[in-house]
Amino acid sequence: MRSNGKRVYALDSWTIEKKGRGWYISRTYAPATRLGPYGSEASACLMIARQLRKELARRDAHHSEPRI
């Protein structure tokens, strides 16, 4: 079944923090799951983008057409 309707998603929020060994990221409301260190703020931001893409794909999966 194909759905042509508009879909809007509120994705998780992330926090980025600079420490002595590099940049660290974590979900804003779950700071115990910190990822890193990353060598630059650009690398940390790209990892956040990858995580958001995974979340979007997971949440939108039931709207996708089956692959043949």
PDB file of N, CA and C in Angstrom:
ATOM      1  N   MET A   1       0.847  -1.174   0.000  1.00  0.00           N
ATOM      2  CA  MET A   1       0.000   0.000   0.000  1.00  0.00           C
ATOM      3  C   MET A   1       0.893   1.237   0.000  1.00  0.00           C
ATOM      4  N   ARG A   2       0.566   2.160  -0.846  1.00  0.00           N
ATOM      5  CA  ARG A   2       1.347   3.382  -0.940  1.00  0.00           C
ATOM      6  C   ARG A   2       0.579   4.523  -0.297  1.00  0.00           C
ATOM      7  N   SER A   3       1.252   5.240   0.554  1.00  0.00           N
ATOM      8  CA  SER A   3       0.644   6.385   1.217  1.00  0.00           C
ATOM      9  C   SER A   3       1.248   7.661   0.651  1.00  0.00           C
ATOM     10  N   ASN A   4       0.418   8.508   0.068  1.00  0.00           N
ATOM     11  CA  ASN A   4       0.908   9.762  -0.501  1.00  0.00           C
ATOM     12  C   ASN A   4       0.752  10.931   0.461  1.00  0.00           C
ATOM     13  N   GLY A   5       0.280  10.654   1.669  1.00  0.00           N
ATOM     14  CA  GLY A   5       0.055  11.715   2.636  1.00  0.00           C
ATOM     15  C   GLY A   5       1.348  12.306   3.171  1.00  0.00           C
ATOM     16  N   LYS A   6       1.251  13.494   3.686  1.00  0.00           N
ATOM     17  CA  LYS A   6       2.384  14.185   4.273  1.00  0.00           C
ATOM     18  C   LYS A   6       2.732  13.537   5.607  1.00  0.00           C
ATOM     19  N   ARG A   7       4.011  13.325   5.849  1.00  0.00           N
ATOM     20  CA  ARG A   7       4.471  12.764   7.118  1.00  0.00           C
ATOM     21  C   ARG A   7       5.471  13.732   7.736  1.00  0.00           C
ATOM     22  N   VAL A   8       5.278  14.031   9.009  1.00  0.00           N
ATOM     23  CA  VAL A   8       6.162  14.938   9.740  1.00  0.00           C
ATOM     24  C   VAL A   8       6.652  14.191  10.973  1.00  0.00           C
ATOM     25  N   TYR A   9       7.948  14.258  11.230  1.00  0.00           N
ATOM     26  CA  TYR A   9       8.536  13.562  12.360  1.00  0.00           C
ATOM     27  C   TYR A   9       9.280  14.543  13.261  1.00  0.00           C
ATOM     28  N   ALA A  10       9.103  14.402  14.567  1.00  0.00           N
ATOM     29  CA  ALA A  10       9.910  15.129  15.550  1.00  0.00           C
ATOM     30  C   ALA A  10      11.009  14.163  15.973  1.00  0.00           C
ATOM     31  N   LEU A  11      12.243  14.427  15.568  1.00  0.00           N
ATOM     32  CA  LEU A  11      13.353  13.527  15.835  1.00  0.00           C
ATOM     33  C   LEU A  11      14.006  13.857  17.172  1.00  0.00           C
ATOM     34  N   ASP A  12      14.761  12.878  17.687  1.00  0.00           N
ATOM     35  CA  ASP A  12      15.437  13.065  18.970  1.00  0.00           C
ATOM     36  C   ASP A  12      16.364  14.276  18.945  1.00  0.00           C
ATOM     37  N   SER A  13      16.551  14.854  20.112  1.00  0.00           N
ATOM     38  CA  SER A  13      17.508  15.955  20.224  1.00  0.00           C
ATOM     39  C   SER A  13      18.828  15.405  20.755  1.00  0.00           C
ATOM     40  N   TRP A  14      19.901  16.025  20.333  1.00  0.00           N
ATOM     41  CA  TRP A  14      21.242  15.584  20.683  1.00  0.00           C
ATOM     42  C   TRP A  14      22.023  16.720  21.321  1.00  0.00           C
ATOM     43  N   THR A  15      22.985  16.357  22.146  1.00  0.00           N
ATOM     44  CA  THR A  15      23.874  17.310  22.795  1.00  0.00           C
ATOM     45  C   THR A  15      25.298  17.004  22.351  1.00  0.00           C
ATOM     46  N   ILE A  16      26.058  18.047  22.083  1.00  0.00           N
ATOM     47  CA  ILE A  16      27.469  17.881  21.707  1.00  0.00           C
ATOM     48  C   ILE A  16      28.307  18.630  22.734  1.00  0.00           C
ATOM     49  N   GLU A  17      29.416  18.000  23.155  1.00  0.00           N
ATOM     50  CA  GLU A  17      30.227  18.560  24.234  1.00  0.00           C
ATOM     51  C   GLU A  17      31.708  18.417  23.893  1.00  0.00           C
ATOM     52  N   LYS A  18      32.472  19.474  24.112  1.00  0.00           N
ATOM     53  CA  LYS A  18      33.925  19.459  23.901  1.00  0.00           C
ATOM     54  C   LYS A  18      34.597  19.140  25.226  1.00  0.00           C
ATOM     55  N   LYS A  19      35.421  18.097  25.226  1.00  0.00           N
ATOM     56  CA  LYS A  19      36.209  17.741  26.409  1.00  0.00           C
ATOM     57  C   LYS A  19      37.668  17.669  25.991  1.00  0.00           C
ATOM     58  N   GLY A  20      38.535  17.364  26.910  1.00  0.00           N
ATOM     59  CA  GLY A  20      39.972  17.347  26.635  1.00  0.00           C
ATOM     60  C   GLY A  20      40.394  16.412  25.521  1.00  0.00           C
ATOM     61  N   ARG A  21      39.748  15.269  25.377  1.00  0.00           N
ATOM     62  CA  ARG A  21      40.167  14.281  24.376  1.00  0.00           C
ATOM     63  C   ARG A  21      39.433  14.406  23.051  1.00  0.00           C
ATOM     64  N   GLY A  22      38.443  15.298  22.947  1.00  0.00           N
ATOM     65  CA  GLY A  22      37.718  15.466  21.691  1.00  0.00           C
ATOM     66  C   GLY A  22      36.270  15.832  21.924  1.00  0.00           C
ATOM     67  N   TRP A  23      35.470  15.648  20.892  1.00  0.00           N
ATOM     68  CA  TRP A  23      34.053  15.979  20.925  1.00  0.00           C
ATOM     69  C   TRP A  23      33.237  14.725  21.246  1.00  0.00           C
ATOM     70  N   TYR A  24      32.224  14.883  22.097  1.00  0.00           N
ATOM     71  CA  TYR A  24      31.353  13.785  22.494  1.00  0.00           C
ATOM     72  C   TYR A  24      29.907  14.161  22.195  1.00  0.00           C
ATOM     73  N   ILE A  25      29.107  13.169  21.814  1.00  0.00           N
ATOM     74  CA  ILE A  25      27.694  13.407  21.568  1.00  0.00           C
ATOM     75  C   ILE A  25      26.866  12.466  22.440  1.00  0.00           C
ATOM     76  N   SER A  26      25.658  12.898  22.761  1.00  0.00           N
ATOM     77  CA  SER A  26      24.720  12.059  23.499  1.00  0.00           C
ATOM     78  C   SER A  26      23.317  12.562  23.231  1.00  0.00           C
ATOM     79  N   ARG A  27      22.354  11.689  23.425  1.00  0.00           N
ATOM     80  CA  ARG A  27      20.966  12.143  23.344  1.00  0.00           C
ATOM     81  C   ARG A  27      20.741  13.087  24.512  1.00  0.00           C
ATOM     82  N   THR A  28      20.053  14.159  24.281  1.00  0.00           N
ATOM     83  CA  THR A  28      19.913  15.209  25.289  1.00  0.00           C
ATOM     84  C   THR A  28      19.331  14.691  26.595  1.00  0.00           C
ATOM     85  N   TYR A  29      18.373  13.797  26.536  1.00  0.00           N
ATOM     86  CA  TYR A  29      17.722  13.335  27.754  1.00  0.00           C
ATOM     87  C   TYR A  29      18.197  11.964  28.193  1.00  0.00           C
ATOM     88  N   ALA A  30      19.309  11.493  27.654  1.00  0.00           N
ATOM     89  CA  ALA A  30      19.914  10.232  28.071  1.00  0.00           C
ATOM     90  C   ALA A  30      21.437  10.378  28.062  1.00  0.00           C
ATOM     91  N   PRO A  31      21.985  11.250  28.900  1.00  0.00           N
ATOM     92  CA  PRO A  31      23.418  11.547  28.831  1.00  0.00           C
ATOM     93  C   PRO A  31      24.320  10.371  29.199  1.00  0.00           C
ATOM     94  N   ALA A  32      23.790   9.294  29.746  1.00  0.00           N
ATOM     95  CA  ALA A  32      24.627   8.151  30.112  1.00  0.00           C
ATOM     96  C   ALA A  32      25.134   7.401  28.885  1.00  0.00           C
ATOM     97  N   THR A  33      24.538   7.629  27.726  1.00  0.00           N
ATOM     98  CA  THR A  33      24.937   6.927  26.506  1.00  0.00           C
ATOM     99  C   THR A  33      25.749   7.852  25.604  1.00  0.00           C
ATOM    100  N   ARG A  34      26.899   8.271  26.079  1.00  0.00           N
ATOM    101  CA  ARG A  34      27.751   9.206  25.346  1.00  0.00           C
ATOM    102  C   ARG A  34      28.568   8.470  24.295  1.00  0.00           C
ATOM    103  N   LEU A  35      28.701   9.058  23.107  1.00  0.00           N
ATOM    104  CA  LEU A  35      29.500   8.505  22.012  1.00  0.00           C
ATOM    105  C   LEU A  35      30.672   9.435  21.729  1.00  0.00           C
ATOM    106  N   GLY A  36      31.799   8.869  21.394  1.00  0.00           N
ATOM    107  CA  GLY A  36      32.960   9.677  21.076  1.00  0.00           C
ATOM    108  C   GLY A  36      34.205   9.043  21.673  1.00  0.00           C
ATOM    109  N   PRO A  37      35.322   9.682  21.605  1.00  0.00           N
ATOM    110  CA  PRO A  37      35.550  11.049  21.139  1.00  0.00           C
ATOM    111  C   PRO A  37      35.668  11.131  19.615  1.00  0.00           C
ATOM    112  N   TYR A  38      35.289  12.273  19.095  1.00  0.00           N
ATOM    113  CA  TYR A  38      35.433  12.584  17.679  1.00  0.00           C
ATOM    114  C   TYR A  38      36.473  13.690  17.552  1.00  0.00           C
ATOM    115  N   GLY A  39      37.243  13.644  16.486  1.00  0.00           N
ATOM    116  CA  GLY A  39      38.361  14.561  16.306  1.00  0.00           C
ATOM    117  C   GLY A  39      37.980  15.998  16.017  1.00  0.00           C
ATOM    118  N   SER A  40      36.775  16.220  15.499  1.00  0.00           N
ATOM    119  CA  SER A  40      36.357  17.584  15.172  1.00  0.00           C
ATOM    120  C   SER A  40      34.852  17.724  15.387  1.00  0.00           C
ATOM    121  N   GLU A  41      34.417  18.958  15.462  1.00  0.00           N
ATOM    122  CA  GLU A  41      32.973  19.188  15.602  1.00  0.00           C
ATOM    123  C   GLU A  41      32.232  18.725  14.352  1.00  0.00           C
ATOM    124  N   ALA A  42      32.879  18.805  13.190  1.00  0.00           N
ATOM    125  CA  ALA A  42      32.253  18.336  11.956  1.00  0.00           C
ATOM    126  C   ALA A  42      32.003  16.823  12.016  1.00  0.00           C
ATOM    127  N   SER A  43      32.973  16.069  12.507  1.00  0.00           N
ATOM    128  CA  SER A  43      32.803  14.621  12.641  1.00  0.00           C
ATOM    129  C   SER A  43      31.679  14.288  13.603  1.00  0.00           C
ATOM    130  N   ALA A  44      31.605  15.005  14.709  1.00  0.00           N
ATOM    131  CA  ALA A  44      30.547  14.765  15.690  1.00  0.00           C
ATOM    132  C   ALA A  44      29.179  15.084  15.086  1.00  0.00           C
ATOM    133  N   CYS A  45      29.082  16.181  14.345  1.00  0.00           N
ATOM    134  CA  CYS A  45      27.812  16.558  13.712  1.00  0.00           C
ATOM    135  C   CYS A  45      27.400  15.548  12.639  1.00  0.00           C
ATOM    136  N   LEU A  46      28.359  15.031  11.894  1.00  0.00           N
ATOM    137  CA  LEU A  46      28.042  14.005  10.905  1.00  0.00           C
ATOM    138  C   LEU A  46      27.516  12.740  11.572  1.00  0.00           C
ATOM    139  N   MET A  47      28.062  12.378  12.729  1.00  0.00           N
ATOM    140  CA  MET A  47      27.571  11.202  13.441  1.00  0.00           C
ATOM    141  C   MET A  47      26.142  11.433  13.941  1.00  0.00           C
ATOM    142  N   ILE A  48      25.842  12.646  14.389  1.00  0.00           N
ATOM    143  CA  ILE A  48      24.461  12.963  14.781  1.00  0.00           C
ATOM    144  C   ILE A  48      23.538  12.820  13.576  1.00  0.00           C
ATOM    145  N   ALA A  49      23.979  13.315  12.428  1.00  0.00           N
ATOM    146  CA  ALA A  49      23.170  13.201  11.205  1.00  0.00           C
ATOM    147  C   ALA A  49      22.924  11.737  10.852  1.00  0.00           C
ATOM    148  N   ARG A  50      23.925  10.898  10.992  1.00  0.00           N
ATOM    149  CA  ARG A  50      23.755   9.466  10.713  1.00  0.00           C
ATOM    150  C   ARG A  50      22.741   8.842  11.669  1.00  0.00           C
ATOM    151  N   GLN A  51      22.831   9.216  12.943  1.00  0.00           N
ATOM    152  CA  GLN A  51      21.898   8.676  13.935  1.00  0.00           C
ATOM    153  C   GLN A  51      20.466   9.129  13.641  1.00  0.00           C
ATOM    154  N   LEU A  52      20.293  10.383  13.252  1.00  0.00           N
ATOM    155  CA  LEU A  52      18.958  10.885  12.916  1.00  0.00           C
ATOM    156  C   LEU A  52      18.418  10.184  11.673  1.00  0.00           C
ATOM    157  N   ARG A  53      19.282   9.919  10.704  1.00  0.00           N
ATOM    158  CA  ARG A  53      18.860   9.203   9.493  1.00  0.00           C
ATOM    159  C   ARG A  53      18.383   7.792   9.825  1.00  0.00           C
ATOM    160  N   LYS A  54      19.086   7.099  10.716  1.00  0.00           N
ATOM    161  CA  LYS A  54      18.672   5.767  11.150  1.00  0.00           C
ATOM    162  C   LYS A  54      17.302   5.817  11.830  1.00  0.00           C
ATOM    163  N   GLU A  55      17.118   6.826  12.691  1.00  0.00           N
ATOM    164  CA  GLU A  55      15.845   6.971  13.383  1.00  0.00           C
ATOM    165  C   GLU A  55      14.713   7.222  12.388  1.00  0.00           C
ATOM    166  N   LEU A  56      14.948   8.091  11.430  1.00  0.00           N
ATOM    167  CA  LEU A  56      13.924   8.393  10.428  1.00  0.00           C
ATOM    168  C   LEU A  56      13.585   7.149   9.606  1.00  0.00           C
ATOM    169  N   ALA A  57      14.587   6.420   9.177  1.00  0.00           N
ATOM    170  CA  ALA A  57      14.349   5.204   8.393  1.00  0.00           C
ATOM    171  C   ALA A  57      13.553   4.182   9.194  1.00  0.00           C
ATOM    172  N   ARG A  58      13.890   4.033  10.470  1.00  0.00           N
ATOM    173  CA  ARG A  58      13.174   3.085  11.318  1.00  0.00           C
ATOM    174  C   ARG A  58      11.714   3.487  11.490  1.00  0.00           C
ATOM    175  N   ARG A  59      11.477   4.756  11.733  1.00  0.00           N
ATOM    176  CA  ARG A  59      10.116   5.222  11.986  1.00  0.00           C
ATOM    177  C   ARG A  59       9.270   5.286  10.729  1.00  0.00           C
ATOM    178  N   ASP A  60       9.900   5.468   9.574  1.00  0.00           N
ATOM    179  CA  ASP A  60       9.166   5.592   8.326  1.00  0.00           C
ATOM    180  C   ASP A  60       9.040   4.254   7.595  1.00  0.00           C
ATOM    181  N   ALA A  61       9.631   3.208   8.115  1.00  0.00           N
ATOM    182  CA  ALA A  61       9.680   1.916   7.428  1.00  0.00           C
ATOM    183  C   ALA A  61       8.297   1.375   7.092  1.00  0.00           C
ATOM    184  N   HIS A  62       7.330   1.544   7.955  1.00  0.00           N
ATOM    185  CA  HIS A  62       6.007   0.980   7.678  1.00  0.00           C
ATOM    186  C   HIS A  62       5.247   1.738   6.601  1.00  0.00           C
ATOM    187  N   HIS A  63       5.740   2.913   6.191  1.00  0.00           N
ATOM    188  CA  HIS A  63       5.124   3.666   5.093  1.00  0.00           C
ATOM    189  C   HIS A  63       5.760   3.364   3.749  1.00  0.00           C
ATOM    190  N   SER A  64       6.895   2.705   3.771  1.00  0.00           N
ATOM    191  CA  SER A  64       7.631   2.433   2.530  1.00  0.00           C
ATOM    192  C   SER A  64       6.976   1.298   1.751  1.00  0.00           C
ATOM    193  N   GLU A  65       7.173   1.355   0.444  1.00  0.00           N
ATOM    194  CA  GLU A  65       6.693   0.282  -0.407  1.00  0.00           C
ATOM    195  C   GLU A  65       7.600  -0.927  -0.240  1.00  0.00           C
ATOM    196  N   PRO A  66       7.048  -2.113  -0.297  1.00  0.00           N
ATOM    197  CA  PRO A  66       7.919  -3.305  -0.197  1.00  0.00           C
ATOM    198  C   PRO A  66       8.851  -3.390  -1.399  1.00  0.00           C
ATOM    199  N   ARG A  67      10.082  -3.785  -1.131  1.00  0.00           N
ATOM    200  CA  ARG A  67      11.065  -3.946  -2.215  1.00  0.00           C
ATOM    201  C   ARG A  67      10.924  -5.317  -2.809  1.00  0.00           C
ATOM    202  N   ILE A  68      10.967  -5.362  -4.119  1.00  0.00           N
ATOM    203  CA  ILE A  68      10.824  -6.643  -4.820  1.00  0.00           C
ATOM    204  C   ILE A  68      12.144  -7.090  -5.382  1.00  0.00           C
TER     205      ILE A  68
END
